[in-house]
Amino acid sequence: MSTAEFAAETFGRPYVPDVPFMGERDFYRAVAAATPGSSVTYHVGMLAVDRDLLATSLSPEQRRTVHEIAHRAAQLAATGWGFLVQRRLGTARFAYELVIARRPLSKRSARAMLTPPELLAEAA
């Protein structure tokens, strides 16, 4: 049984995906503009079905875009930039989000945040 057949049997109707609303560039822009604690929704639908070569009803280009964005989100989560979250919106409909993590300051960034009196005391 294919994933699409399983979804149709389980939910009593054929699965119709939401068209991806953003491309890779839009995803990167949204991630760059996001603040810690905010989230970037990178897909709405059923990600496993929409990424699958045989089960999806998306065009090959749309499927490739969904796959690439999901892969990039997973890479960002694996490197500590965020956390992957899935919210149920309804029957066979989920929102897949990357919640942006708080990034620790590097020594250089922390030094730049010191006030001038602290810098003077450090130099003395």
PDB file of N, CA and C in Angstrom:
ATOM      1  N   MET A   1       0.850  -1.177   0.000  1.00  0.00           N
ATOM      2  CA  MET A   1       0.000   0.000   0.000  1.00  0.00           C
ATOM      3  C   MET A   1       0.897   1.242   0.000  1.00  0.00           C
ATOM      4  N   SER A   2       0.636   2.158  -0.901  1.00  0.00           N
ATOM      5  CA  SER A   2       1.432   3.385  -0.978  1.00  0.00           C
ATOM      6  C   SER A   2       1.015   4.351   0.134  1.00  0.00           C
ATOM      7  N   THR A   3       1.832   5.357   0.360  1.00  0.00           N
ATOM      8  CA  THR A   3       1.533   6.360   1.379  1.00  0.00           C
ATOM      9  C   THR A   3       0.251   7.105   1.040  1.00  0.00           C
ATOM     10  N   ALA A   4       0.061   7.431  -0.244  1.00  0.00           N
ATOM     11  CA  ALA A   4      -1.148   8.144  -0.665  1.00  0.00           C
ATOM     12  C   ALA A   4      -2.393   7.273  -0.452  1.00  0.00           C
ATOM     13  N   GLU A   5      -2.290   5.964  -0.769  1.00  0.00           N
ATOM     14  CA  GLU A   5      -3.418   5.060  -0.555  1.00  0.00           C
ATOM     15  C   GLU A   5      -3.724   4.933   0.929  1.00  0.00           C
ATOM     16  N   PHE A   6      -2.658   4.849   1.750  1.00  0.00           N
ATOM     17  CA  PHE A   6      -2.841   4.777   3.201  1.00  0.00           C
ATOM     18  C   PHE A   6      -3.561   6.020   3.718  1.00  0.00           C
ATOM     19  N   ALA A   7      -3.127   7.199   3.247  1.00  0.00           N
ATOM     20  CA  ALA A   7      -3.755   8.453   3.679  1.00  0.00           C
ATOM     21  C   ALA A   7      -5.223   8.482   3.262  1.00  0.00           C
ATOM     22  N   ALA A   8      -5.512   8.049   2.034  1.00  0.00           N
ATOM     23  CA  ALA A   8      -6.898   8.056   1.550  1.00  0.00           C
ATOM     24  C   ALA A   8      -7.758   7.093   2.359  1.00  0.00           C
ATOM     25  N   GLU A   9      -7.198   5.911   2.670  1.00  0.00           N
ATOM     26  CA  GLU A   9      -7.952   4.926   3.442  1.00  0.00           C
ATOM     27  C   GLU A   9      -8.134   5.389   4.889  1.00  0.00           C
ATOM     28  N   THR A  10      -7.108   5.953   5.474  1.00  0.00           N
ATOM     29  CA  THR A  10      -7.153   6.380   6.863  1.00  0.00           C
ATOM     30  C   THR A  10      -8.086   7.567   7.072  1.00  0.00           C
ATOM     31  N   PHE A  11      -8.015   8.543   6.180  1.00  0.00           N
ATOM     32  CA  PHE A  11      -8.777   9.770   6.369  1.00  0.00           C
ATOM     33  C   PHE A  11     -10.067   9.807   5.568  1.00  0.00           C
ATOM     34  N   GLY A  12     -10.342   8.750   4.793  1.00  0.00           N
ATOM     35  CA  GLY A  12     -11.604   8.639   4.084  1.00  0.00           C
ATOM     36  C   GLY A  12     -11.728   9.534   2.869  1.00  0.00           C
ATOM     37  N   ARG A  13     -10.651  10.148   2.460  1.00  0.00           N
ATOM     38  CA  ARG A  13     -10.690  10.992   1.259  1.00  0.00           C
ATOM     39  C   ARG A  13      -9.280  11.076   0.707  1.00  0.00           C
ATOM     40  N   PRO A  14      -9.128  11.365  -0.564  1.00  0.00           N
ATOM     41  CA  PRO A  14      -7.782  11.494  -1.114  1.00  0.00           C
ATOM     42  C   PRO A  14      -7.051  12.687  -0.493  1.00  0.00           C
ATOM     43  N   TYR A  15      -5.789  12.522  -0.292  1.00  0.00           N
ATOM     44  CA  TYR A  15      -4.973  13.603   0.254  1.00  0.00           C
ATOM     45  C   TYR A  15      -4.662  14.608  -0.841  1.00  0.00           C
ATOM     46  N   VAL A  16      -4.959  15.870  -0.575  1.00  0.00           N
ATOM     47  CA  VAL A  16      -4.643  16.954  -1.506  1.00  0.00           C
ATOM     48  C   VAL A  16      -3.686  17.893  -0.772  1.00  0.00           C
ATOM     49  N   PRO A  17      -2.427  17.992  -1.246  1.00  0.00           N
ATOM     50  CA  PRO A  17      -1.445  18.814  -0.527  1.00  0.00           C
ATOM     51  C   PRO A  17      -1.664  20.299  -0.752  1.00  0.00           C
ATOM     52  N   ASP A  18      -1.158  21.084   0.201  1.00  0.00           N
ATOM     53  CA  ASP A  18      -1.086  22.530   0.000  1.00  0.00           C
ATOM     54  C   ASP A  18       0.132  22.787  -0.880  1.00  0.00           C
ATOM     55  N   VAL A  19       0.016  23.717  -1.780  1.00  0.00           N
ATOM     56  CA  VAL A  19       1.150  24.064  -2.632  1.00  0.00           C
ATOM     57  C   VAL A  19       2.200  24.756  -1.764  1.00  0.00           C
ATOM     58  N   PRO A  20       3.485  24.414  -1.925  1.00  0.00           N
ATOM     59  CA  PRO A  20       4.513  25.083  -1.136  1.00  0.00           C
ATOM     60  C   PRO A  20       4.423  26.594  -1.293  1.00  0.00           C
ATOM     61  N   PHE A  21       4.466  27.308  -0.201  1.00  0.00           N
ATOM     62  CA  PHE A  21       4.275  28.754  -0.275  1.00  0.00           C
ATOM     63  C   PHE A  21       5.587  29.502  -0.376  1.00  0.00           C
ATOM     64  N   MET A  22       6.705  28.832  -0.223  1.00  0.00           N
ATOM     65  CA  MET A  22       7.977  29.551  -0.291  1.00  0.00           C
ATOM     66  C   MET A  22       9.016  28.713  -1.012  1.00  0.00           C
ATOM     67  N   GLY A  23       9.917  29.437  -1.654  1.00  0.00           N
ATOM     68  CA  GLY A  23      11.054  28.799  -2.285  1.00  0.00           C
ATOM     69  C   GLY A  23      12.230  28.809  -1.320  1.00  0.00           C
ATOM     70  N   GLU A  24      13.354  28.271  -1.763  1.00  0.00           N
ATOM     71  CA  GLU A  24      14.536  28.215  -0.894  1.00  0.00           C
ATOM     72  C   GLU A  24      15.010  29.600  -0.475  1.00  0.00           C
ATOM     73  N   ARG A  25      15.028  30.529  -1.399  1.00  0.00           N
ATOM     74  CA  ARG A  25      15.469  31.894  -1.061  1.00  0.00           C
ATOM     75  C   ARG A  25      14.558  32.529  -0.019  1.00  0.00           C
ATOM     76  N   ASP A  26      13.248  32.350  -0.190  1.00  0.00           N
ATOM     77  CA  ASP A  26      12.299  32.885   0.789  1.00  0.00           C
ATOM     78  C   ASP A  26      12.513  32.246   2.155  1.00  0.00           C
ATOM     79  N   PHE A  27      12.802  30.947   2.167  1.00  0.00           N
ATOM     80  CA  PHE A  27      13.056  30.253   3.425  1.00  0.00           C
ATOM     81  C   PHE A  27      14.286  30.842   4.118  1.00  0.00           C
ATOM     82  N   TYR A  28      15.367  31.028   3.371  1.00  0.00           N
ATOM     83  CA  TYR A  28      16.580  31.588   3.969  1.00  0.00           C
ATOM     84  C   TYR A  28      16.361  33.016   4.457  1.00  0.00           C
ATOM     85  N   ARG A  29      15.617  33.794   3.711  1.00  0.00           N
ATOM     86  CA  ARG A  29      15.306  35.167   4.148  1.00  0.00           C
ATOM     87  C   ARG A  29      14.500  35.150   5.449  1.00  0.00           C
ATOM     88  N   ALA A  30      13.519  34.271   5.516  1.00  0.00           N
ATOM     89  CA  ALA A  30      12.689  34.177   6.721  1.00  0.00           C
ATOM     90  C   ALA A  30      13.523  33.735   7.921  1.00  0.00           C
ATOM     91  N   VAL A  31      14.433  32.781   7.722  1.00  0.00           N
ATOM     92  CA  VAL A  31      15.300  32.313   8.817  1.00  0.00           C
ATOM     93  C   VAL A  31      16.238  33.431   9.252  1.00  0.00           C
ATOM     94  N   ALA A  32      16.804  34.151   8.287  1.00  0.00           N
ATOM     95  CA  ALA A  32      17.730  35.244   8.616  1.00  0.00           C
ATOM     96  C   ALA A  32      17.026  36.365   9.376  1.00  0.00           C
ATOM     97  N   ALA A  33      15.766  36.617   9.073  1.00  0.00           N
ATOM     98  CA  ALA A  33      15.028  37.702   9.715  1.00  0.00           C
ATOM     99  C   ALA A  33      14.396  37.284  11.050  1.00  0.00           C
ATOM    100  N   ALA A  34      14.333  35.983  11.303  1.00  0.00           N
ATOM    101  CA  ALA A  34      13.666  35.487  12.515  1.00  0.00           C
ATOM    102  C   ALA A  34      14.512  35.741  13.758  1.00  0.00           C
ATOM    103  N   THR A  35      13.828  35.999  14.847  1.00  0.00           N
ATOM    104  CA  THR A  35      14.497  36.207  16.129  1.00  0.00           C
ATOM    105  C   THR A  35      14.383  34.924  16.959  1.00  0.00           C
ATOM    106  N   PRO A  36      15.273  34.733  17.943  1.00  0.00           N
ATOM    107  CA  PRO A  36      15.182  33.537  18.771  1.00  0.00           C
ATOM    108  C   PRO A  36      13.796  33.395  19.401  1.00  0.00           C
ATOM    109  N   GLY A  37      13.255  32.192  19.303  1.00  0.00           N
ATOM    110  CA  GLY A  37      11.924  31.914  19.834  1.00  0.00           C
ATOM    111  C   GLY A  37      10.822  32.011  18.800  1.00  0.00           C
ATOM    112  N   SER A  38      11.092  32.714  17.697  1.00  0.00           N
ATOM    113  CA  SER A  38      10.085  32.789  16.636  1.00  0.00           C
ATOM    114  C   SER A  38      10.223  31.562  15.736  1.00  0.00           C
ATOM    115  N   SER A  39       9.212  31.329  14.924  1.00  0.00           N
ATOM    116  CA  SER A  39       9.260  30.147  14.068  1.00  0.00           C
ATOM    117  C   SER A  39       9.041  30.524  12.609  1.00  0.00           C
ATOM    118  N   VAL A  40       9.574  29.676  11.754  1.00  0.00           N
ATOM    119  CA  VAL A  40       9.401  29.811  10.311  1.00  0.00           C
ATOM    120  C   VAL A  40       8.666  28.561   9.847  1.00  0.00           C
ATOM    121  N   THR A  41       7.454  28.747   9.331  1.00  0.00           N
ATOM    122  CA  THR A  41       6.688  27.619   8.803  1.00  0.00           C
ATOM    123  C   THR A  41       7.185  27.355   7.394  1.00  0.00           C
ATOM    124  N   TYR A  42       7.770  26.182   7.200  1.00  0.00           N
ATOM    125  CA  TYR A  42       8.359  25.897   5.888  1.00  0.00           C
ATOM    126  C   TYR A  42       7.499  24.976   5.035  1.00  0.00           C
ATOM    127  N   HIS A  43       6.459  24.370   5.618  1.00  0.00           N
ATOM    128  CA  HIS A  43       5.557  23.557   4.802  1.00  0.00           C
ATOM    129  C   HIS A  43       4.237  23.350   5.542  1.00  0.00           C
ATOM    130  N   VAL A  44       3.154  23.297   4.791  1.00  0.00           N
ATOM    131  CA  VAL A  44       1.841  22.955   5.329  1.00  0.00           C
ATOM    132  C   VAL A  44       1.290  21.837   4.455  1.00  0.00           C
ATOM    133  N   GLY A  45       0.893  20.752   5.088  1.00  0.00           N
ATOM    134  CA  GLY A  45       0.399  19.580   4.367  1.00  0.00           C
ATOM    135  C   GLY A  45       0.834  18.334   5.100  1.00  0.00           C
ATOM    136  N   MET A  46       1.217  17.309   4.357  1.00  0.00           N
ATOM    137  CA  MET A  46       1.798  16.086   4.922  1.00  0.00           C
ATOM    138  C   MET A  46       3.183  15.932   4.299  1.00  0.00           C
ATOM    139  N   LEU A  47       4.189  16.286   5.045  1.00  0.00           N
ATOM    140  CA  LEU A  47       5.544  16.370   4.506  1.00  0.00           C
ATOM    141  C   LEU A  47       6.043  15.042   3.939  1.00  0.00           C
ATOM    142  N   ALA A  48       5.790  13.945   4.633  1.00  0.00           N
ATOM    143  CA  ALA A  48       6.258  12.635   4.150  1.00  0.00           C
ATOM    144  C   ALA A  48       5.647  12.301   2.791  1.00  0.00           C
ATOM    145  N   VAL A  49       4.367  12.576   2.629  1.00  0.00           N
ATOM    146  CA  VAL A  49       3.700  12.305   1.351  1.00  0.00           C
ATOM    147  C   VAL A  49       4.202  13.264   0.279  1.00  0.00           C
ATOM    148  N   ASP A  50       4.325  14.534   0.619  1.00  0.00           N
ATOM    149  CA  ASP A  50       4.722  15.531  -0.369  1.00  0.00           C
ATOM    150  C   ASP A  50       6.177  15.379  -0.808  1.00  0.00           C
ATOM    151  N   ARG A  51       7.011  14.754   0.013  1.00  0.00           N
ATOM    152  CA  ARG A  51       8.418  14.523  -0.358  1.00  0.00           C
ATOM    153  C   ARG A  51       8.587  13.228  -1.147  1.00  0.00           C
ATOM    154  N   ASP A  52       7.629  12.328  -1.044  1.00  0.00           N
ATOM    155  CA  ASP A  52       7.749  11.010  -1.666  1.00  0.00           C
ATOM    156  C   ASP A  52       7.607  11.105  -3.183  1.00  0.00           C
ATOM    157  N   LEU A  53       8.488  10.427  -3.878  1.00  0.00           N
ATOM    158  CA  LEU A  53       8.514  10.485  -5.341  1.00  0.00           C
ATOM    159  C   LEU A  53       7.250   9.893  -5.967  1.00  0.00           C
ATOM    160  N   LEU A  54       6.734   8.811  -5.390  1.00  0.00           N
ATOM    161  CA  LEU A  54       5.575   8.136  -5.977  1.00  0.00           C
ATOM    162  C   LEU A  54       4.239   8.590  -5.398  1.00  0.00           C
ATOM    163  N   ALA A  55       4.216   8.956  -4.128  1.00  0.00           N
ATOM    164  CA  ALA A  55       2.938   9.253  -3.465  1.00  0.00           C
ATOM    165  C   ALA A  55       2.453  10.673  -3.696  1.00  0.00           C
ATOM    166  N   THR A  56       3.333  11.575  -4.002  1.00  0.00           N
ATOM    167  CA  THR A  56       2.946  12.982  -4.094  1.00  0.00           C
ATOM    168  C   THR A  56       2.118  13.291  -5.331  1.00  0.00           C
ATOM    169  N   SER A  57       1.266  14.282  -5.195  1.00  0.00           N
ATOM    170  CA  SER A  57       0.530  14.777  -6.363  1.00  0.00           C
ATOM    171  C   SER A  57       1.092  16.128  -6.794  1.00  0.00           C
ATOM    172  N   LEU A  58       2.207  16.537  -6.174  1.00  0.00           N
ATOM    173  CA  LEU A  58       2.880  17.778  -6.565  1.00  0.00           C
ATOM    174  C   LEU A  58       3.648  17.556  -7.861  1.00  0.00           C
ATOM    175  N   SER A  59       3.911  18.638  -8.553  1.00  0.00           N
ATOM    176  CA  SER A  59       4.748  18.539  -9.749  1.00  0.00           C
ATOM    177  C   SER A  59       6.169  18.193  -9.306  1.00  0.00           C
ATOM    178  N   PRO A  60       6.992  17.655 -10.207  1.00  0.00           N
ATOM    179  CA  PRO A  60       8.372  17.336  -9.823  1.00  0.00           C
ATOM    180  C   PRO A  60       9.135  18.541  -9.265  1.00  0.00           C
ATOM    181  N   GLU A  61       8.895  19.721  -9.822  1.00  0.00           N
ATOM    182  CA  GLU A  61       9.578  20.927  -9.337  1.00  0.00           C
ATOM    183  C   GLU A  61       9.113  21.300  -7.922  1.00  0.00           C
ATOM    184  N   GLN A  62       7.806  21.228  -7.687  1.00  0.00           N
ATOM    185  CA  GLN A  62       7.274  21.531  -6.361  1.00  0.00           C
ATOM    186  C   GLN A  62       7.772  20.513  -5.330  1.00  0.00           C
ATOM    187  N   ARG A  63       7.779  19.234  -5.704  1.00  0.00           N
ATOM    188  CA  ARG A  63       8.261  18.185  -4.801  1.00  0.00           C
ATOM    189  C   ARG A  63       9.730  18.416  -4.460  1.00  0.00           C
ATOM    190  N   ARG A  64      10.526  18.770  -5.448  1.00  0.00           N
ATOM    191  CA  ARG A  64      11.944  19.040  -5.238  1.00  0.00           C
ATOM    192  C   ARG A  64      12.132  20.225  -4.285  1.00  0.00           C
ATOM    193  N   THR A  65      11.320  21.268  -4.456  1.00  0.00           N
ATOM    194  CA  THR A  65      11.396  22.437  -3.577  1.00  0.00           C
ATOM    195  C   THR A  65      11.024  22.067  -2.143  1.00  0.00           C
ATOM    196  N   VAL A  66       9.945  21.318  -1.962  1.00  0.00           N
ATOM    197  CA  VAL A  66       9.533  20.872  -0.630  1.00  0.00           C
ATOM    198  C   VAL A  66      10.639  20.038  -0.002  1.00  0.00           C
ATOM    199  N   HIS A  67      11.208  19.122  -0.779  1.00  0.00           N
ATOM    200  CA  HIS A  67      12.274  18.252  -0.277  1.00  0.00           C
ATOM    201  C   HIS A  67      13.502  19.065   0.141  1.00  0.00           C
ATOM    202  N   GLU A  68      13.914  20.006  -0.692  1.00  0.00           N
ATOM    203  CA  GLU A  68      15.094  20.828  -0.392  1.00  0.00           C
ATOM    204  C   GLU A  68      14.904  21.668   0.858  1.00  0.00           C
ATOM    205  N   ILE A  69      13.750  22.311   0.976  1.00  0.00           N
ATOM    206  CA  ILE A  69      13.502  23.169   2.143  1.00  0.00           C
ATOM    207  C   ILE A  69      13.451  22.323   3.418  1.00  0.00           C
ATOM    208  N   ALA A  70      12.799  21.167   3.363  1.00  0.00           N
ATOM    209  CA  ALA A  70      12.742  20.287   4.539  1.00  0.00           C
ATOM    210  C   ALA A  70      14.142  19.798   4.910  1.00  0.00           C
ATOM    211  N   HIS A  71      14.941  19.506   3.908  1.00  0.00           N
ATOM    212  CA  HIS A  71      16.323  19.066   4.150  1.00  0.00           C
ATOM    213  C   HIS A  71      17.135  20.183   4.796  1.00  0.00           C
ATOM    214  N   ARG A  72      16.999  21.394   4.295  1.00  0.00           N
ATOM    215  CA  ARG A  72      17.726  22.543   4.870  1.00  0.00           C
ATOM    216  C   ARG A  72      17.277  22.817   6.304  1.00  0.00           C
ATOM    217  N   ALA A  73      15.984  22.706   6.563  1.00  0.00           N
ATOM    218  CA  ALA A  73      15.471  22.909   7.925  1.00  0.00           C
ATOM    219  C   ALA A  73      16.064  21.862   8.869  1.00  0.00           C
ATOM    220  N   ALA A  74      16.146  20.618   8.410  1.00  0.00           N
ATOM    221  CA  ALA A  74      16.736  19.558   9.232  1.00  0.00           C
ATOM    222  C   ALA A  74      18.221  19.814   9.476  1.00  0.00           C
ATOM    223  N   GLN A  75      18.918  20.321   8.465  1.00  0.00           N
ATOM    224  CA  GLN A  75      20.338  20.656   8.638  1.00  0.00           C
ATOM    225  C   GLN A  75      20.515  21.778   9.659  1.00  0.00           C
ATOM    226  N   LEU A  76      19.679  22.802   9.572  1.00  0.00           N
ATOM    227  CA  LEU A  76      19.758  23.906  10.532  1.00  0.00           C
ATOM    228  C   LEU A  76      19.488  23.415  11.951  1.00  0.00           C
ATOM    229  N   ALA A  77      18.514  22.524  12.103  1.00  0.00           N
ATOM    230  CA  ALA A  77      18.213  21.971  13.426  1.00  0.00           C
ATOM    231  C   ALA A  77      19.379  21.125  13.938  1.00  0.00           C
ATOM    232  N   ALA A  78      19.991  20.350  13.059  1.00  0.00           N
ATOM    233  CA  ALA A  78      21.105  19.491  13.460  1.00  0.00           C
ATOM    234  C   ALA A  78      22.332  20.292  13.897  1.00  0.00           C
ATOM    235  N   THR A  79      22.486  21.487  13.358  1.00  0.00           N
ATOM    236  CA  THR A  79      23.640  22.315  13.717  1.00  0.00           C
ATOM    237  C   THR A  79      23.337  23.300  14.835  1.00  0.00           C
ATOM    238  N   GLY A  80      22.147  23.197  15.429  1.00  0.00           N
ATOM    239  CA  GLY A  80      21.828  24.015  16.590  1.00  0.00           C
ATOM    240  C   GLY A  80      21.181  25.359  16.299  1.00  0.00           C
ATOM    241  N   TRP A  81      20.793  25.607  15.076  1.00  0.00           N
ATOM    242  CA  TRP A  81      20.151  26.882  14.730  1.00  0.00           C
ATOM    243  C   TRP A  81      18.690  26.921  15.134  1.00  0.00           C
ATOM    244  N   GLY A  82      18.098  25.753  15.373  1.00  0.00           N
ATOM    245  CA  GLY A  82      16.691  25.742  15.734  1.00  0.00           C
ATOM    246  C   GLY A  82      16.211  24.350  16.066  1.00  0.00           C
ATOM    247  N   PHE A  83      14.895  24.240  16.240  1.00  0.00           N
ATOM    248  CA  PHE A  83      14.243  22.987  16.574  1.00  0.00           C
ATOM    249  C   PHE A  83      13.104  22.768  15.600  1.00  0.00           C
ATOM    250  N   LEU A  84      12.935  21.530  15.162  1.00  0.00           N
ATOM    251  CA  LEU A  84      11.844  21.220  14.245  1.00  0.00           C
ATOM    252  C   LEU A  84      10.586  20.899  15.040  1.00  0.00           C
ATOM    253  N   VAL A  85       9.477  21.515  14.626  1.00  0.00           N
ATOM    254  CA  VAL A  85       8.198  21.337  15.304  1.00  0.00           C
ATOM    255  C   VAL A  85       7.142  21.041  14.253  1.00  0.00           C
ATOM    256  N   GLN A  86       6.197  20.197  14.641  1.00  0.00           N
ATOM    257  CA  GLN A  86       5.088  19.851  13.752  1.00  0.00           C
ATOM    258  C   GLN A  86       3.799  20.129  14.508  1.00  0.00           C
ATOM    259  N   ARG A  87       2.927  20.962  13.931  1.00  0.00           N
ATOM    260  CA  ARG A  87       1.631  21.284  14.548  1.00  0.00           C
ATOM    261  C   ARG A  87       0.515  20.689  13.710  1.00  0.00           C
ATOM    262  N   ARG A  88      -0.410  20.043  14.361  1.00  0.00           N
ATOM    263  CA  ARG A  88      -1.568  19.491  13.648  1.00  0.00           C
ATOM    264  C   ARG A  88      -2.577  20.608  13.418  1.00  0.00           C
ATOM    265  N   LEU A  89      -2.965  20.786  12.168  1.00  0.00           N
ATOM    266  CA  LEU A  89      -3.937  21.816  11.810  1.00  0.00           C
ATOM    267  C   LEU A  89      -5.319  21.231  11.551  1.00  0.00           C
ATOM    268  N   GLY A  90      -5.363  19.955  11.285  1.00  0.00           N
ATOM    269  CA  GLY A  90      -6.622  19.289  10.978  1.00  0.00           C
ATOM    270  C   GLY A  90      -6.324  17.904  10.440  1.00  0.00           C
ATOM    271  N   THR A  91      -7.338  17.268   9.883  1.00  0.00           N
ATOM    272  CA  THR A  91      -7.166  15.936   9.334  1.00  0.00           C
ATOM    273  C   THR A  91      -6.196  15.971   8.165  1.00  0.00           C
ATOM    274  N   ALA A  92      -5.138  15.197   8.274  1.00  0.00           N
ATOM    275  CA  ALA A  92      -4.111  15.094   7.232  1.00  0.00           C
ATOM    276  C   ALA A  92      -3.512  16.447   6.860  1.00  0.00           C
ATOM    277  N   ARG A  93      -3.404  17.338   7.830  1.00  0.00           N
ATOM    278  CA  ARG A  93      -2.859  18.674   7.559  1.00  0.00           C
ATOM    279  C   ARG A  93      -2.020  19.120   8.750  1.00  0.00           C
ATOM    280  N   PHE A  94      -0.754  19.361   8.492  1.00  0.00           N
ATOM    281  CA  PHE A  94       0.187  19.748   9.535  1.00  0.00           C
ATOM    282  C   PHE A  94       0.984  20.958   9.082  1.00  0.00           C
ATOM    283  N   ALA A  95       1.436  21.744  10.049  1.00  0.00           N
ATOM    284  CA  ALA A  95       2.360  22.846   9.778  1.00  0.00           C
ATOM    285  C   ALA A  95       3.722  22.406  10.304  1.00  0.00           C
ATOM    286  N   TYR A  96       4.716  22.460   9.448  1.00  0.00           N
ATOM    287  CA  TYR A  96       6.077  22.087   9.815  1.00  0.00           C
ATOM    288  C   TYR A  96       6.869  23.369  10.001  1.00  0.00           C
ATOM    289  N   GLU A  97       7.452  23.515  11.185  1.00  0.00           N
ATOM    290  CA  GLU A  97       8.107  24.774  11.541  1.00  0.00           C
ATOM    291  C   GLU A  97       9.523  24.555  12.044  1.00  0.00           C
ATOM    292  N   LEU A  98      10.339  25.548  11.826  1.00  0.00           N
ATOM    293  CA  LEU A  98      11.676  25.616  12.413  1.00  0.00           C
ATOM    294  C   LEU A  98      11.615  26.735  13.438  1.00  0.00           C
ATOM    295  N   VAL A  99      11.739  26.374  14.728  1.00  0.00           N
ATOM    296  CA  VAL A  99      11.750  27.373  15.800  1.00  0.00           C
ATOM    297  C   VAL A  99      13.201  27.786  16.000  1.00  0.00           C
ATOM    298  N   ILE A 100      13.469  29.062  15.841  1.00  0.00           N
ATOM    299  CA  ILE A 100      14.835  29.572  15.901  1.00  0.00           C
ATOM    300  C   ILE A 100      15.344  29.529  17.342  1.00  0.00           C
ATOM    301  N   ALA A 101      16.545  28.981  17.506  1.00  0.00           N
ATOM    302  CA  ALA A 101      17.150  28.848  18.836  1.00  0.00           C
ATOM    303  C   ALA A 101      17.937  30.104  19.196  1.00  0.00           C
ATOM    304  N   ARG A 102      18.137  30.278  20.478  1.00  0.00           N
ATOM    305  CA  ARG A 102      18.989  31.370  20.966  1.00  0.00           C
ATOM    306  C   ARG A 102      20.432  30.961  20.704  1.00  0.00           C
ATOM    307  N   ARG A 103      21.169  31.841  20.090  1.00  0.00           N
ATOM    308  CA  ARG A 103      22.573  31.555  19.771  1.00  0.00           C
ATOM    309  C   ARG A 103      23.461  32.145  20.854  1.00  0.00           C
ATOM    310  N   PRO A 104      24.403  31.369  21.383  1.00  0.00           N
ATOM    311  CA  PRO A 104      25.317  31.922  22.377  1.00  0.00           C
ATOM    312  C   PRO A 104      26.243  32.946  21.728  1.00  0.00           C
ATOM    313  N   LEU A 105      26.621  33.928  22.498  1.00  0.00           N
ATOM    314  CA  LEU A 105      27.534  34.942  21.980  1.00  0.00           C
ATOM    315  C   LEU A 105      28.935  34.364  21.851  1.00  0.00           C
ATOM    316  N   SER A 106      29.599  34.722  20.784  1.00  0.00           N
ATOM    317  CA  SER A 106      31.003  34.348  20.662  1.00  0.00           C
ATOM    318  C   SER A 106      31.808  35.327  21.512  1.00  0.00           C
ATOM    319  N   LYS A 107      33.063  35.034  21.748  1.00  0.00           N
ATOM    320  CA  LYS A 107      33.896  35.946  22.544  1.00  0.00           C
ATOM    321  C   LYS A 107      33.966  37.314  21.878  1.00  0.00           C
ATOM    322  N   ARG A 108      34.047  37.311  20.570  1.00  0.00           N
ATOM    323  CA  ARG A 108      34.129  38.575  19.831  1.00  0.00           C
ATOM    324  C   ARG A 108      32.847  39.391  20.001  1.00  0.00           C
ATOM    325  N   SER A 109      31.686  38.716  19.912  1.00  0.00           N
ATOM    326  CA  SER A 109      30.412  39.416  20.075  1.00  0.00           C
ATOM    327  C   SER A 109      30.246  39.925  21.492  1.00  0.00           C
ATOM    328  N   ALA A 110      30.637  39.113  22.475  1.00  0.00           N
ATOM    329  CA  ALA A 110      30.521  39.522  23.867  1.00  0.00           C
ATOM    330  C   ALA A 110      31.416  40.726  24.140  1.00  0.00           C
ATOM    331  N   ARG A 111      32.598  40.744  23.558  1.00  0.00           N
ATOM    332  CA  ARG A 111      33.530  41.867  23.732  1.00  0.00           C
ATOM    333  C   ARG A 111      32.940  43.147  23.142  1.00  0.00           C
ATOM    334  N   ALA A 112      32.260  43.038  22.014  1.00  0.00           N
ATOM    335  CA  ALA A 112      31.661  44.209  21.373  1.00  0.00           C
ATOM    336  C   ALA A 112      30.523  44.782  22.211  1.00  0.00           C
ATOM    337  N   MET A 113      29.902  43.962  23.072  1.00  0.00           N
ATOM    338  CA  MET A 113      28.789  44.432  23.890  1.00  0.00           C
ATOM    339  C   MET A 113      29.252  45.080  25.197  1.00  0.00           C
ATOM    340  N   LEU A 114      30.542  44.980  25.514  1.00  0.00           N
ATOM    341  CA  LEU A 114      31.051  45.602  26.735  1.00  0.00           C
ATOM    342  C   LEU A 114      30.974  47.115  26.613  1.00  0.00           C
ATOM    343  N   THR A 115      30.714  47.756  27.718  1.00  0.00           N
ATOM    344  CA  THR A 115      30.657  49.218  27.709  1.00  0.00           C
ATOM    345  C   THR A 115      32.074  49.775  27.742  1.00  0.00           C
ATOM    346  N   PRO A 116      32.295  51.014  27.306  1.00  0.00           N
ATOM    347  CA  PRO A 116      33.645  51.595  27.295  1.00  0.00           C
ATOM    348  C   PRO A 116      34.370  51.560  28.644  1.00  0.00           C
ATOM    349  N   PRO A 117      33.736  51.828  29.809  1.00  0.00           N
ATOM    350  CA  PRO A 117      34.478  51.754  31.070  1.00  0.00           C
ATOM    351  C   PRO A 117      35.037  50.342  31.330  1.00  0.00           C
ATOM    352  N   GLU A 118      34.264  49.330  30.931  1.00  0.00           N
ATOM    353  CA  GLU A 118      34.741  47.950  31.113  1.00  0.00           C
ATOM    354  C   GLU A 118      35.940  47.689  30.218  1.00  0.00           C
ATOM    355  N   LEU A 119      35.911  48.233  29.019  1.00  0.00           N
ATOM    356  CA  LEU A 119      37.039  48.069  28.106  1.00  0.00           C
ATOM    357  C   LEU A 119      38.274  48.769  28.651  1.00  0.00           C
ATOM    358  N   LEU A 120      38.086  49.968  29.220  1.00  0.00           N
ATOM    359  CA  LEU A 120      39.214  50.696  29.783  1.00  0.00           C
ATOM    360  C   LEU A 120      39.802  49.938  30.971  1.00  0.00           C
ATOM    361  N   ALA A 121      38.957  49.369  31.817  1.00  0.00           N
ATOM    362  CA  ALA A 121      39.436  48.618  32.978  1.00  0.00           C
ATOM    363  C   ALA A 121      40.185  47.376  32.527  1.00  0.00           C
ATOM    364  N   GLU A 122      39.727  46.773  31.442  1.00  0.00           N
ATOM    365  CA  GLU A 122      40.376  45.571  30.924  1.00  0.00           C
ATOM    366  C   GLU A 122      41.750  45.926  30.359  1.00  0.00           C
ATOM    367  N   ALA A 123      41.888  47.073  29.731  1.00  0.00           N
ATOM    368  CA  ALA A 123      43.154  47.491  29.124  1.00  0.00           C
ATOM    369  C   ALA A 123      44.184  47.868  30.180  1.00  0.00           C
ATOM    370  N   ALA A 124      43.748  48.320  31.341  1.00  0.00           N
ATOM    371  CA  ALA A 124      44.675  48.778  32.388  1.00  0.00           C
ATOM    372  C   ALA A 124      45.363  47.676  33.113  1.00  0.00           C
TER     373      ALA A 124
END
